[in-house]
Each structure stands twice: as structure tokens, then as C-alpha cells.
Amino acid sequence: MHGYAIAQRLKQVSRDALHIQQGSLYPALHRLEEYRWLKAEWRDTETGREAKFYELTRQGRKQLERERTEWQRLAKAIALVLKTAE
């Protein structure tokens, strides 16, 4: 996906809870590229405009799984704390 499509997809799957501004999205995408978690290439969009398209690398998929596991651990811990506060 290209950057704008990524932002729109995040908005869609989060049911409008996440609105990622370009000033935050593109620096993050560039950092992920530097870490080699994303690869990018310039291509034409459906409208004929040129855009940078991003794709997870194998390293990126591994990192995503580590982040997902850590997020699930953290979410469970927070749920326990909130349950205790009831």
C-alpha cells in the first residue's frame, strides 16, 4: 500500500478511532524502512499518480509478531489491573 492508503486502512479497521496524520505516518514509515522492516518502491497509483508503496519484509513480519505478542501481554496486564479496580 502507499502511505495515504495505509492511513485510510488504519482509520477503517479501527472504526474511525485512529486518524494518523501525514506528519506522523511518513516519518514512521521511513524509520521502519531504515530498520529494514519495510521495503518501498515508487509505482503508479490507480489514478496514475506516482506514490511510494510499502511492504513488510521478512524481518518486518518477525518484528510484527514480537510486537503483537508484547502488546497482548501488556493488554492482559492492564485488564487485570482494571478488573482489580472494580
N, C-alpha and C. Protein backbone atom coordinates (compact mmCIF):
# COMPACT_ATOMS: atom_id res chain seq x y z
N MET A 1 0.84 -1.19 0.00
CA MET A 1 0.00 0.00 0.00
C MET A 1 0.89 1.25 0.00
N HIS A 2 0.34 2.32 -0.50
CA HIS A 2 1.05 3.59 -0.38
C HIS A 2 0.58 4.28 0.90
N GLY A 3 1.30 5.31 1.29
CA GLY A 3 1.06 5.95 2.58
C GLY A 3 -0.37 6.38 2.83
N TYR A 4 -0.98 7.06 1.88
CA TYR A 4 -2.36 7.51 2.07
C TYR A 4 -3.29 6.32 2.27
N ALA A 5 -3.10 5.26 1.49
CA ALA A 5 -3.94 4.07 1.62
C ALA A 5 -3.74 3.41 2.99
N ILE A 6 -2.53 3.43 3.50
CA ILE A 6 -2.25 2.88 4.83
C ILE A 6 -3.04 3.67 5.88
N ALA A 7 -2.98 4.99 5.79
CA ALA A 7 -3.71 5.83 6.76
C ALA A 7 -5.20 5.57 6.68
N GLN A 8 -5.74 5.45 5.48
CA GLN A 8 -7.16 5.19 5.32
C GLN A 8 -7.55 3.82 5.85
N ARG A 9 -6.70 2.83 5.61
CA ARG A 9 -6.99 1.47 6.09
C ARG A 9 -6.98 1.42 7.62
N LEU A 10 -6.02 2.10 8.24
CA LEU A 10 -5.99 2.15 9.71
C LEU A 10 -7.25 2.80 10.26
N LYS A 11 -7.69 3.86 9.61
CA LYS A 11 -8.92 4.53 10.02
C LYS A 11 -10.11 3.59 9.88
N GLN A 12 -10.15 2.86 8.77
CA GLN A 12 -11.26 1.94 8.50
C GLN A 12 -11.31 0.79 9.50
N VAL A 13 -10.19 0.09 9.68
CA VAL A 13 -10.22 -1.10 10.55
C VAL A 13 -10.36 -0.73 12.02
N SER A 14 -10.00 0.51 12.38
CA SER A 14 -10.17 0.94 13.77
C SER A 14 -11.54 1.57 14.00
N ARG A 15 -12.40 1.51 12.99
CA ARG A 15 -13.75 2.11 13.06
C ARG A 15 -13.67 3.59 13.42
N ASP A 16 -12.77 4.27 12.74
CA ASP A 16 -12.55 5.73 12.87
C ASP A 16 -11.91 6.15 14.19
N ALA A 17 -11.37 5.22 14.95
CA ALA A 17 -10.71 5.57 16.21
C ALA A 17 -9.29 6.10 15.97
N LEU A 18 -8.65 5.64 14.90
CA LEU A 18 -7.28 6.07 14.61
C LEU A 18 -7.26 6.96 13.37
N HIS A 19 -6.76 8.17 13.56
CA HIS A 19 -6.59 9.12 12.47
C HIS A 19 -5.10 9.49 12.45
N ILE A 20 -4.36 8.88 11.56
CA ILE A 20 -2.92 9.08 11.51
C ILE A 20 -2.62 10.24 10.57
N GLN A 21 -1.99 11.27 11.10
CA GLN A 21 -1.62 12.44 10.30
C GLN A 21 -0.38 12.13 9.46
N GLN A 22 -0.30 12.75 8.28
CA GLN A 22 0.83 12.53 7.41
C GLN A 22 2.15 12.87 8.09
N GLY A 23 2.13 13.90 8.93
CA GLY A 23 3.34 14.31 9.63
C GLY A 23 3.84 13.27 10.62
N SER A 24 2.99 12.33 10.99
CA SER A 24 3.39 11.23 11.86
C SER A 24 3.64 9.95 11.06
N LEU A 25 2.80 9.73 10.05
CA LEU A 25 2.87 8.49 9.29
C LEU A 25 4.17 8.35 8.50
N TYR A 26 4.50 9.36 7.71
CA TYR A 26 5.64 9.23 6.82
C TYR A 26 6.98 9.11 7.55
N PRO A 27 7.21 9.88 8.62
CA PRO A 27 8.45 9.64 9.38
C PRO A 27 8.51 8.23 9.96
N ALA A 28 7.36 7.71 10.41
CA ALA A 28 7.33 6.34 10.95
C ALA A 28 7.64 5.33 9.84
N LEU A 29 7.06 5.50 8.67
CA LEU A 29 7.35 4.60 7.55
C LEU A 29 8.82 4.64 7.18
N HIS A 30 9.41 5.83 7.18
CA HIS A 30 10.84 5.95 6.86
C HIS A 30 11.71 5.26 7.90
N ARG A 31 11.33 5.38 9.17
CA ARG A 31 12.09 4.68 10.23
C ARG A 31 11.99 3.17 10.04
N LEU A 32 10.79 2.67 9.75
CA LEU A 32 10.62 1.24 9.52
C LEU A 32 11.44 0.77 8.32
N GLU A 33 11.56 1.62 7.34
CA GLU A 33 12.41 1.31 6.18
C GLU A 33 13.88 1.23 6.59
N GLU A 34 14.31 2.18 7.42
CA GLU A 34 15.69 2.18 7.90
C GLU A 34 16.01 0.93 8.71
N TYR A 35 15.03 0.46 9.49
CA TYR A 35 15.21 -0.77 10.27
C TYR A 35 15.14 -2.02 9.39
N ARG A 36 14.78 -1.82 8.13
CA ARG A 36 14.61 -2.90 7.15
C ARG A 36 13.41 -3.79 7.47
N TRP A 37 12.42 -3.19 8.13
CA TRP A 37 11.18 -3.90 8.42
C TRP A 37 10.17 -3.68 7.30
N LEU A 38 10.42 -2.65 6.48
CA LEU A 38 9.62 -2.36 5.30
C LEU A 38 10.54 -2.21 4.11
N LYS A 39 10.01 -2.58 2.94
CA LYS A 39 10.70 -2.20 1.71
C LYS A 39 9.73 -1.32 0.95
N ALA A 40 10.28 -0.42 0.16
CA ALA A 40 9.43 0.54 -0.54
C ALA A 40 9.90 0.69 -1.98
N GLU A 41 8.93 0.97 -2.84
CA GLU A 41 9.27 1.26 -4.24
C GLU A 41 8.25 2.24 -4.80
N TRP A 42 8.72 3.06 -5.72
CA TRP A 42 7.85 4.02 -6.38
C TRP A 42 7.10 3.32 -7.50
N ARG A 43 5.76 3.51 -7.51
CA ARG A 43 4.90 2.95 -8.56
C ARG A 43 3.77 3.92 -8.83
N ASP A 44 3.07 3.67 -9.92
CA ASP A 44 1.89 4.47 -10.23
C ASP A 44 0.69 3.95 -9.44
N THR A 45 -0.13 4.88 -8.98
CA THR A 45 -1.37 4.52 -8.29
C THR A 45 -2.45 4.26 -9.33
N GLU A 46 -3.64 3.91 -8.85
CA GLU A 46 -4.78 3.67 -9.74
C GLU A 46 -5.14 4.93 -10.53
N THR A 47 -4.85 6.08 -9.95
CA THR A 47 -5.17 7.35 -10.61
C THR A 47 -4.06 7.83 -11.53
N GLY A 48 -2.98 7.07 -11.62
CA GLY A 48 -1.88 7.43 -12.50
C GLY A 48 -0.80 8.29 -11.84
N ARG A 49 -1.02 8.65 -10.59
CA ARG A 49 0.00 9.42 -9.87
C ARG A 49 1.05 8.48 -9.32
N GLU A 50 2.27 8.97 -9.19
CA GLU A 50 3.34 8.16 -8.64
C GLU A 50 3.31 8.25 -7.11
N ALA A 51 3.48 7.12 -6.45
CA ALA A 51 3.48 7.07 -4.99
C ALA A 51 4.44 5.98 -4.54
N LYS A 52 4.91 6.11 -3.32
CA LYS A 52 5.79 5.10 -2.74
C LYS A 52 4.94 4.04 -2.08
N PHE A 53 5.11 2.79 -2.52
CA PHE A 53 4.36 1.67 -1.98
C PHE A 53 5.24 0.92 -0.99
N TYR A 54 4.65 0.51 0.12
CA TYR A 54 5.37 -0.14 1.21
C TYR A 54 4.90 -1.58 1.37
N GLU A 55 5.85 -2.43 1.75
CA GLU A 55 5.54 -3.84 2.00
C GLU A 55 6.43 -4.33 3.14
N LEU A 56 5.84 -5.14 4.03
CA LEU A 56 6.63 -5.72 5.12
C LEU A 56 7.68 -6.68 4.57
N THR A 57 8.86 -6.62 5.15
CA THR A 57 9.90 -7.59 4.82
C THR A 57 9.77 -8.79 5.74
N ARG A 58 10.57 -9.79 5.51
CA ARG A 58 10.55 -10.95 6.41
C ARG A 58 10.93 -10.52 7.82
N GLN A 59 11.94 -9.65 7.92
CA GLN A 59 12.32 -9.12 9.24
C GLN A 59 11.16 -8.35 9.85
N GLY A 60 10.43 -7.61 9.02
CA GLY A 60 9.29 -6.84 9.50
C GLY A 60 8.18 -7.72 10.02
N ARG A 61 7.95 -8.84 9.36
CA ARG A 61 6.91 -9.78 9.84
C ARG A 61 7.31 -10.37 11.19
N LYS A 62 8.59 -10.68 11.34
CA LYS A 62 9.07 -11.22 12.63
C LYS A 62 8.91 -10.16 13.72
N GLN A 63 9.26 -8.92 13.40
CA GLN A 63 9.13 -7.85 14.39
C GLN A 63 7.67 -7.61 14.73
N LEU A 64 6.80 -7.67 13.73
CA LEU A 64 5.36 -7.51 13.97
C LEU A 64 4.86 -8.57 14.94
N GLU A 65 5.31 -9.79 14.78
CA GLU A 65 4.88 -10.87 15.69
C GLU A 65 5.40 -10.61 17.10
N ARG A 66 6.64 -10.12 17.23
CA ARG A 66 7.17 -9.78 18.57
C ARG A 66 6.35 -8.66 19.20
N GLU A 67 6.03 -7.64 18.41
CA GLU A 67 5.24 -6.51 18.91
C GLU A 67 3.83 -6.96 19.30
N ARG A 68 3.25 -7.83 18.49
CA ARG A 68 1.90 -8.33 18.78
C ARG A 68 1.90 -9.12 20.09
N THR A 69 2.88 -9.96 20.27
CA THR A 69 2.99 -10.75 21.50
C THR A 69 3.16 -9.85 22.71
N GLU A 70 4.02 -8.85 22.59
CA GLU A 70 4.24 -7.92 23.70
C GLU A 70 2.97 -7.12 23.99
N TRP A 71 2.26 -6.68 22.95
CA TRP A 71 1.03 -5.92 23.13
C TRP A 71 -0.02 -6.77 23.86
N GLN A 72 -0.14 -8.03 23.47
CA GLN A 72 -1.11 -8.92 24.11
C GLN A 72 -0.77 -9.11 25.59
N ARG A 73 0.51 -9.25 25.89
CA ARG A 73 0.95 -9.40 27.29
C ARG A 73 0.59 -8.14 28.08
N LEU A 74 0.88 -6.98 27.50
CA LEU A 74 0.60 -5.72 28.17
C LEU A 74 -0.91 -5.51 28.33
N ALA A 75 -1.69 -5.81 27.30
CA ALA A 75 -3.15 -5.64 27.38
C ALA A 75 -3.74 -6.53 28.46
N LYS A 76 -3.24 -7.76 28.59
CA LYS A 76 -3.72 -8.65 29.65
C LYS A 76 -3.39 -8.09 31.02
N ALA A 77 -2.20 -7.54 31.18
CA ALA A 77 -1.80 -6.96 32.46
C ALA A 77 -2.68 -5.77 32.82
N ILE A 78 -2.96 -4.92 31.84
CA ILE A 78 -3.82 -3.77 32.09
C ILE A 78 -5.24 -4.23 32.43
N ALA A 79 -5.73 -5.23 31.74
CA ALA A 79 -7.07 -5.77 32.04
C ALA A 79 -7.14 -6.28 33.47
N LEU A 80 -6.08 -6.94 33.92
CA LEU A 80 -6.05 -7.42 35.30
C LEU A 80 -6.10 -6.27 36.30
N VAL A 81 -5.35 -5.22 36.01
CA VAL A 81 -5.35 -4.05 36.89
C VAL A 81 -6.73 -3.40 36.92
N LEU A 82 -7.35 -3.26 35.77
CA LEU A 82 -8.68 -2.64 35.73
C LEU A 82 -9.72 -3.52 36.41
N LYS A 83 -9.60 -4.82 36.26
CA LYS A 83 -10.54 -5.73 36.92
C LYS A 83 -10.40 -5.64 38.42
N THR A 84 -9.18 -5.50 38.88
CA THR A 84 -8.92 -5.38 40.33
C THR A 84 -9.51 -4.09 40.88
N ALA A 85 -9.55 -3.05 40.05
CA ALA A 85 -10.05 -1.76 40.50
C ALA A 85 -11.57 -1.71 40.60
N GLU A 86 -12.26 -2.71 40.10
CA GLU A 86 -13.74 -2.71 40.12
C GLU A 86 -14.32 -2.82 41.50
